[in-house]
Amino acid sequence: MLIDLYTWSTPNGRKVSIMLEETGLPYRAIPIDITQGEQHEEDFIRIAPNHKIPALVDHQEGMTLMESGAILLYLANKTGQLLSSGGTRYWEQMQWLMYQMGQVGPMLGQTHHFVKFNPGKSAYAEERYRNETIKVYQILDQRLKDREYLVEDYSVVDIATWPWISRYGFQQMDLHEYPNLLRWYLQIAARPAVQRGYGVPEPLPVPIP
């Protein structure tokens, strides 16, 4: 295999395994069990100084990358797939990709931390991030009101965002309250590459509301 993917079954990890499956690049998935602290081991830190999955090593290019957004852009550029080459469409994709990186992931991730895994620790944090999650769902639902995907054609933007929405159960959200988002979610969930990528490194089925 020319590509090694260091990953775990989290939204950020699944972004990259789905992207690899969609592009058809051969790769080897190397599990990093973050529940056992493997992300802090020296061998992994040499690859990912931020102590976080995912990380990718492209042996063909001699390239080592951390941060899921950077990895998605690298793979899109490497293959010429799932990202516009320029113009207004490219910048629209960048806008919504940055929204995922700056809002969707961080806000929903904090909801996982306080609402799912640490309930009762901070009423203020639970309320804040639950409200932020509702706001994210509302914005995405409105965005999808008159379009099939977040930026016209299926792209890295959808691949980056979808795994976070797949954790709707962690976020205590009912996707049926957001019909445009639900339609988008189910359409992407039906893609064979998404189903394969979701099951990396653990063979888990895609959640269906």
C-alpha atoms as a PDB file:
ATOM      1  CA  MET A   1       0.000   0.000   0.000  1.00  0.00           C
ATOM      2  CA  LEU A   2       1.257   3.469  -0.872  1.00  0.00           C
ATOM      3  CA  ILE A   3      -0.823   5.248   1.789  1.00  0.00           C
ATOM      4  CA  ASP A   4      -1.022   4.579   5.512  1.00  0.00           C
ATOM      5  CA  LEU A   5      -3.999   6.055   7.352  1.00  0.00           C
ATOM      6  CA  TYR A   6      -3.677   6.290  11.119  1.00  0.00           C
ATOM      7  CA  THR A   7      -7.220   6.553  12.377  1.00  0.00           C
ATOM      8  CA  TRP A   8      -9.977   5.677  14.814  1.00  0.00           C
ATOM      9  CA  SER A   9     -13.774   5.524  14.578  1.00  0.00           C
ATOM     10  CA  THR A  10     -14.447   9.234  15.072  1.00  0.00           C
ATOM     11  CA  PRO A  11     -15.979  11.822  12.727  1.00  0.00           C
ATOM     12  CA  ASN A  12     -12.574  13.250  11.840  1.00  0.00           C
ATOM     13  CA  GLY A  13     -11.131   9.821  11.180  1.00  0.00           C
ATOM     14  CA  ARG A  14     -14.097   8.828   9.039  1.00  0.00           C
ATOM     15  CA  LYS A  15     -13.731  11.928   6.877  1.00  0.00           C
ATOM     16  CA  VAL A  16     -10.463  10.590   5.533  1.00  0.00           C
ATOM     17  CA  SER A  17     -11.396   6.920   5.195  1.00  0.00           C
ATOM     18  CA  ILE A  18     -14.533   7.959   3.275  1.00  0.00           C
ATOM     19  CA  MET A  19     -12.438  10.240   1.053  1.00  0.00           C
ATOM     20  CA  LEU A  20      -9.991   7.427   0.345  1.00  0.00           C
ATOM     21  CA  GLU A  21     -12.826   5.069  -0.509  1.00  0.00           C
ATOM     22  CA  GLU A  22     -14.470   7.648  -2.772  1.00  0.00           C
ATOM     23  CA  THR A  23     -11.252   8.361  -4.673  1.00  0.00           C
ATOM     24  CA  GLY A  24     -10.319   4.689  -4.977  1.00  0.00           C
ATOM     25  CA  LEU A  25      -6.795   5.166  -3.662  1.00  0.00           C
ATOM     26  CA  PRO A  26      -5.363   1.992  -2.107  1.00  0.00           C
ATOM     27  CA  TYR A  27      -4.514   2.436   1.553  1.00  0.00           C
ATOM     28  CA  ARG A  28      -3.817   0.613   4.775  1.00  0.00           C
ATOM     29  CA  ALA A  29      -5.759   1.596   7.891  1.00  0.00           C
ATOM     30  CA  ILE A  30      -3.692   1.559  11.073  1.00  0.00           C
ATOM     31  CA  PRO A  31      -5.894   1.802  14.193  1.00  0.00           C
ATOM     32  CA  ILE A  32      -4.869   4.273  16.883  1.00  0.00           C
ATOM     33  CA  ASP A  33      -7.061   3.486  19.876  1.00  0.00           C
ATOM     34  CA  ILE A  34      -7.621   6.892  21.434  1.00  0.00           C
ATOM     35  CA  THR A  35      -9.582   5.308  24.297  1.00  0.00           C
ATOM     36  CA  GLN A  36      -6.325   3.662  25.389  1.00  0.00           C
ATOM     37  CA  GLY A  37      -4.146   6.743  24.873  1.00  0.00           C
ATOM     38  CA  GLU A  38      -2.308   5.374  21.844  1.00  0.00           C
ATOM     39  CA  GLN A  39      -2.354   8.857  20.300  1.00  0.00           C
ATOM     40  CA  HIS A  40       0.222   9.897  22.910  1.00  0.00           C
ATOM     41  CA  GLU A  41       2.765   7.213  22.055  1.00  0.00           C
ATOM     42  CA  GLU A  42       6.067   8.422  20.648  1.00  0.00           C
ATOM     43  CA  ASP A  43       5.818   6.536  17.367  1.00  0.00           C
ATOM     44  CA  PHE A  44       2.523   8.222  16.564  1.00  0.00           C
ATOM     45  CA  ILE A  45       3.616  11.674  17.747  1.00  0.00           C
ATOM     46  CA  ARG A  46       6.423  11.589  15.213  1.00  0.00           C
ATOM     47  CA  ILE A  47       3.729  11.375  12.544  1.00  0.00           C
ATOM     48  CA  ALA A  48       1.149  13.655  14.206  1.00  0.00           C
ATOM     49  CA  PRO A  49       2.709  16.189  16.600  1.00  0.00           C
ATOM     50  CA  ASN A  50      -0.806  17.300  17.612  1.00  0.00           C
ATOM     51  CA  HIS A  51      -1.432  13.874  19.250  1.00  0.00           C
ATOM     52  CA  LYS A  52      -4.647  13.472  17.244  1.00  0.00           C
ATOM     53  CA  ILE A  53      -6.032  11.227  14.539  1.00  0.00           C
ATOM     54  CA  PRO A  54      -6.270  11.140  11.621  1.00  0.00           C
ATOM     55  CA  ALA A  55      -2.790  11.231  10.174  1.00  0.00           C
ATOM     56  CA  LEU A  56      -1.676  10.105   6.756  1.00  0.00           C
ATOM     57  CA  VAL A  57       1.601   8.985   5.229  1.00  0.00           C
ATOM     58  CA  ASP A  58       1.830   8.942   1.438  1.00  0.00           C
ATOM     59  CA  HIS A  59       4.930   6.843   0.796  1.00  0.00           C
ATOM     60  CA  GLN A  60       4.845   7.541  -2.928  1.00  0.00           C
ATOM     61  CA  GLU A  61       5.170  11.297  -2.398  1.00  0.00           C
ATOM     62  CA  GLY A  62       7.145  11.200   0.846  1.00  0.00           C
ATOM     63  CA  MET A  63       4.360  13.233   2.454  1.00  0.00           C
ATOM     64  CA  THR A  64       3.202  13.057   6.082  1.00  0.00           C
ATOM     65  CA  LEU A  65       0.112  14.992   7.097  1.00  0.00           C
ATOM     66  CA  MET A  66      -2.025  15.605  10.158  1.00  0.00           C
ATOM     67  CA  GLU A  67      -5.310  17.552  10.472  1.00  0.00           C
ATOM     68  CA  SER A  68      -8.307  16.129   8.641  1.00  0.00           C
ATOM     69  CA  GLY A  69      -9.035  19.242   6.562  1.00  0.00           C
ATOM     70  CA  ALA A  70      -5.496  19.377   5.224  1.00  0.00           C
ATOM     71  CA  ILE A  71      -5.608  15.661   4.431  1.00  0.00           C
ATOM     72  CA  LEU A  72      -8.878  16.026   2.513  1.00  0.00           C
ATOM     73  CA  LEU A  73      -7.462  18.870   0.440  1.00  0.00           C
ATOM     74  CA  TYR A  74      -4.275  16.912  -0.217  1.00  0.00           C
ATOM     75  CA  LEU A  75      -6.178  13.867  -1.433  1.00  0.00           C
ATOM     76  CA  ALA A  76      -8.472  15.998  -3.581  1.00  0.00           C
ATOM     77  CA  ASN A  77      -5.477  17.652  -5.217  1.00  0.00           C
ATOM     78  CA  LYS A  78      -3.626  14.356  -5.598  1.00  0.00           C
ATOM     79  CA  THR A  79      -6.522  12.704  -7.421  1.00  0.00           C
ATOM     80  CA  GLY A  80      -8.215  15.678  -9.056  1.00  0.00           C
ATOM     81  CA  GLN A  81     -11.491  14.535  -7.504  1.00  0.00           C
ATOM     82  CA  LEU A  82     -14.216  16.026  -5.325  1.00  0.00           C
ATOM     83  CA  LEU A  83     -12.879  19.606  -5.363  1.00  0.00           C
ATOM     84  CA  SER A  84     -13.226  22.312  -7.995  1.00  0.00           C
ATOM     85  CA  SER A  85      -9.994  23.461  -9.601  1.00  0.00           C
ATOM     86  CA  GLY A  86     -10.712  27.165  -9.225  1.00  0.00           C
ATOM     87  CA  GLY A  87     -13.205  29.951  -9.705  1.00  0.00           C
ATOM     88  CA  THR A  88     -16.210  30.843  -7.610  1.00  0.00           C
ATOM     89  CA  ARG A  89     -17.202  27.200  -7.038  1.00  0.00           C
ATOM     90  CA  TYR A  90     -13.811  26.503  -5.440  1.00  0.00           C
ATOM     91  CA  TRP A  91     -14.159  29.402  -3.008  1.00  0.00           C
ATOM     92  CA  GLU A  92     -17.703  28.414  -2.147  1.00  0.00           C
ATOM     93  CA  GLN A  93     -16.385  24.964  -1.303  1.00  0.00           C
ATOM     94  CA  MET A  94     -13.622  26.517   0.799  1.00  0.00           C
ATOM     95  CA  GLN A  95     -16.180  28.623   2.651  1.00  0.00           C
ATOM     96  CA  TRP A  96     -18.269  25.639   3.679  1.00  0.00           C
ATOM     97  CA  LEU A  97     -15.252  23.453   4.361  1.00  0.00           C
ATOM     98  CA  MET A  98     -13.952  26.133   6.737  1.00  0.00           C
ATOM     99  CA  TYR A  99     -17.405  26.278   8.320  1.00  0.00           C
ATOM    100  CA  GLN A 100     -17.119  22.567   9.017  1.00  0.00           C
ATOM    101  CA  MET A 101     -13.624  22.946  10.447  1.00  0.00           C
ATOM    102  CA  GLY A 102     -14.418  26.043  12.515  1.00  0.00           C
ATOM    103  CA  GLN A 103     -18.010  25.458  13.613  1.00  0.00           C
ATOM    104  CA  VAL A 104     -19.549  22.079  12.851  1.00  0.00           C
ATOM    105  CA  GLY A 105     -16.696  19.970  14.230  1.00  0.00           C
ATOM    106  CA  PRO A 106     -15.776  22.098  17.264  1.00  0.00           C
ATOM    107  CA  MET A 107     -19.347  22.829  18.383  1.00  0.00           C
ATOM    108  CA  LEU A 108     -20.661  19.298  17.913  1.00  0.00           C
ATOM    109  CA  GLY A 109     -17.481  17.907  19.424  1.00  0.00           C
ATOM    110  CA  GLN A 110     -18.029  19.934  22.589  1.00  0.00           C
ATOM    111  CA  THR A 111     -21.601  18.645  22.690  1.00  0.00           C
ATOM    112  CA  HIS A 112     -20.200  15.112  22.635  1.00  0.00           C
ATOM    113  CA  HIS A 113     -17.878  15.998  25.514  1.00  0.00           C
ATOM    114  CA  PHE A 114     -20.359  17.709  27.815  1.00  0.00           C
ATOM    115  CA  VAL A 115     -23.733  16.220  26.868  1.00  0.00           C
ATOM    116  CA  LYS A 116     -22.826  12.646  25.901  1.00  0.00           C
ATOM    117  CA  PHE A 117     -19.763  11.800  27.987  1.00  0.00           C
ATOM    118  CA  ASN A 118     -19.882  14.212  30.956  1.00  0.00           C
ATOM    119  CA  PRO A 119     -23.538  14.996  31.694  1.00  0.00           C
ATOM    120  CA  GLY A 120     -24.194  16.843  34.917  1.00  0.00           C
ATOM    121  CA  LYS A 121     -20.692  18.328  35.145  1.00  0.00           C
ATOM    122  CA  SER A 122     -21.584  21.784  33.808  1.00  0.00           C
ATOM    123  CA  ALA A 123     -25.135  22.908  33.147  1.00  0.00           C
ATOM    124  CA  TYR A 124     -23.787  26.044  31.473  1.00  0.00           C
ATOM    125  CA  ALA A 125     -21.621  24.083  29.024  1.00  0.00           C
ATOM    126  CA  GLU A 126     -24.392  21.604  28.265  1.00  0.00           C
ATOM    127  CA  GLU A 127     -26.838  24.385  27.444  1.00  0.00           C
ATOM    128  CA  ARG A 128     -24.293  26.388  25.452  1.00  0.00           C
ATOM    129  CA  TYR A 129     -23.171  23.563  23.205  1.00  0.00           C
ATOM    130  CA  ARG A 130     -26.626  22.066  22.817  1.00  0.00           C
ATOM    131  CA  ASN A 131     -27.784  25.456  21.547  1.00  0.00           C
ATOM    132  CA  GLU A 132     -24.758  25.707  19.257  1.00  0.00           C
ATOM    133  CA  THR A 133     -25.581  22.263  17.866  1.00  0.00           C
ATOM    134  CA  ILE A 134     -29.159  23.322  17.156  1.00  0.00           C
ATOM    135  CA  LYS A 135     -27.819  26.391  15.360  1.00  0.00           C
ATOM    136  CA  VAL A 136     -25.505  24.248  13.207  1.00  0.00           C
ATOM    137  CA  TYR A 137     -28.377  21.940  12.274  1.00  0.00           C
ATOM    138  CA  GLN A 138     -30.587  24.903  11.401  1.00  0.00           C
ATOM    139  CA  ILE A 139     -27.920  26.491   9.202  1.00  0.00           C
ATOM    140  CA  LEU A 140     -27.199  23.253   7.346  1.00  0.00           C
ATOM    141  CA  ASP A 141     -30.904  22.511   6.924  1.00  0.00           C
ATOM    142  CA  GLN A 142     -31.496  25.962   5.455  1.00  0.00           C
ATOM    143  CA  ARG A 143     -28.468  25.636   3.190  1.00  0.00           C
ATOM    144  CA  LEU A 144     -29.844  22.373   1.803  1.00  0.00           C
ATOM    145  CA  LYS A 145     -33.338  23.740   1.238  1.00  0.00           C
ATOM    146  CA  ASP A 146     -32.848  24.297  -2.489  1.00  0.00           C
ATOM    147  CA  ARG A 147     -29.784  22.208  -3.311  1.00  0.00           C
ATOM    148  CA  GLU A 148     -28.838  18.535  -3.337  1.00  0.00           C
ATOM    149  CA  TYR A 149     -25.437  18.944  -1.684  1.00  0.00           C
ATOM    150  CA  LEU A 150     -23.815  21.680   0.362  1.00  0.00           C
ATOM    151  CA  VAL A 151     -22.086  23.139  -2.689  1.00  0.00           C
ATOM    152  CA  GLU A 152     -23.905  21.890  -5.783  1.00  0.00           C
ATOM    153  CA  ASP A 153     -22.065  18.636  -6.599  1.00  0.00           C
ATOM    154  CA  TYR A 154     -20.966  16.064  -4.009  1.00  0.00           C
ATOM    155  CA  SER A 155     -17.544  17.157  -2.763  1.00  0.00           C
ATOM    156  CA  VAL A 156     -15.046  17.259   0.084  1.00  0.00           C
ATOM    157  CA  VAL A 157     -17.467  19.607   1.845  1.00  0.00           C
ATOM    158  CA  ASP A 158     -20.084  16.878   2.192  1.00  0.00           C
ATOM    159  CA  ILE A 159     -17.440  14.299   3.095  1.00  0.00           C
ATOM    160  CA  ALA A 160     -16.118  16.562   5.867  1.00  0.00           C
ATOM    161  CA  THR A 161     -19.538  17.403   7.285  1.00  0.00           C
ATOM    162  CA  TRP A 162     -21.476  14.154   7.008  1.00  0.00           C
ATOM    163  CA  PRO A 163     -19.547  12.126   9.657  1.00  0.00           C
ATOM    164  CA  TRP A 164     -20.337  14.766  12.278  1.00  0.00           C
ATOM    165  CA  ILE A 165     -24.047  14.598  11.515  1.00  0.00           C
ATOM    166  CA  SER A 166     -23.830  10.801  11.706  1.00  0.00           C
ATOM    167  CA  ARG A 167     -23.320  11.309  15.439  1.00  0.00           C
ATOM    168  CA  TYR A 168     -26.802  12.804  15.821  1.00  0.00           C
ATOM    169  CA  GLY A 169     -27.444  10.292  18.605  1.00  0.00           C
ATOM    170  CA  PHE A 170     -24.477  11.561  20.630  1.00  0.00           C
ATOM    171  CA  GLN A 171     -25.825  15.080  20.132  1.00  0.00           C
ATOM    172  CA  GLN A 172     -29.376  14.111  21.202  1.00  0.00           C
ATOM    173  CA  MET A 173     -30.702  15.504  17.934  1.00  0.00           C
ATOM    174  CA  ASP A 174     -33.687  14.274  15.920  1.00  0.00           C
ATOM    175  CA  LEU A 175     -32.840  14.514  12.240  1.00  0.00           C
ATOM    176  CA  HIS A 176     -36.520  14.256  11.344  1.00  0.00           C
ATOM    177  CA  GLU A 177     -36.922  17.817  12.648  1.00  0.00           C
ATOM    178  CA  TYR A 178     -34.567  18.955   9.861  1.00  0.00           C
ATOM    179  CA  PRO A 179     -36.031  17.475   6.660  1.00  0.00           C
ATOM    180  CA  ASN A 180     -33.507  18.930   4.211  1.00  0.00           C
ATOM    181  CA  LEU A 181     -30.593  17.785   6.322  1.00  0.00           C
ATOM    182  CA  LEU A 182     -32.182  14.355   6.740  1.00  0.00           C
ATOM    183  CA  ARG A 183     -32.637  13.950   2.990  1.00  0.00           C
ATOM    184  CA  TRP A 184     -28.979  14.917   2.414  1.00  0.00           C
ATOM    185  CA  TYR A 185     -27.812  12.627   5.200  1.00  0.00           C
ATOM    186  CA  LEU A 186     -29.658   9.581   3.869  1.00  0.00           C
ATOM    187  CA  GLN A 187     -28.542  10.204   0.302  1.00  0.00           C
ATOM    188  CA  ILE A 188     -24.893  10.224   1.346  1.00  0.00           C
ATOM    189  CA  ALA A 189     -25.378   7.314   3.750  1.00  0.00           C
ATOM    190  CA  ALA A 190     -26.502   5.179   0.808  1.00  0.00           C
ATOM    191  CA  ARG A 191     -23.211   5.618  -1.059  1.00  0.00           C
ATOM    192  CA  PRO A 192     -21.176   2.367  -1.000  1.00  0.00           C
ATOM    193  CA  ALA A 193     -17.895   4.259  -0.488  1.00  0.00           C
ATOM    194  CA  VAL A 194     -19.372   6.053   2.520  1.00  0.00           C
ATOM    195  CA  GLN A 195     -20.531   2.776   4.016  1.00  0.00           C
ATOM    196  CA  ARG A 196     -17.080   1.256   3.537  1.00  0.00           C
ATOM    197  CA  GLY A 197     -15.296   4.309   4.902  1.00  0.00           C
ATOM    198  CA  TYR A 198     -17.574   4.529   7.923  1.00  0.00           C
ATOM    199  CA  GLY A 199     -16.507   1.010   8.911  1.00  0.00           C
ATOM    200  CA  VAL A 200     -12.810   1.943   9.207  1.00  0.00           C
ATOM    201  CA  PRO A 201     -11.105   0.819  11.363  1.00  0.00           C
ATOM    202  CA  GLU A 202     -14.058  -0.919  13.075  1.00  0.00           C
ATOM    203  CA  PRO A 203     -16.686  -2.647  10.885  1.00  0.00           C
ATOM    204  CA  LEU A 204     -19.690  -0.618  12.021  1.00  0.00           C
ATOM    205  CA  PRO A 205     -22.901  -0.004  10.077  1.00  0.00           C
ATOM    206  CA  VAL A 206     -23.923   3.529   9.121  1.00  0.00           C
ATOM    207  CA  PRO A 207     -26.551   4.809  11.580  1.00  0.00           C
ATOM    208  CA  ILE A 208     -29.950   5.398   9.975  1.00  0.00           C
ATOM    209  CA  PRO A 209     -32.489   7.604  11.780  1.00  0.00           C
END
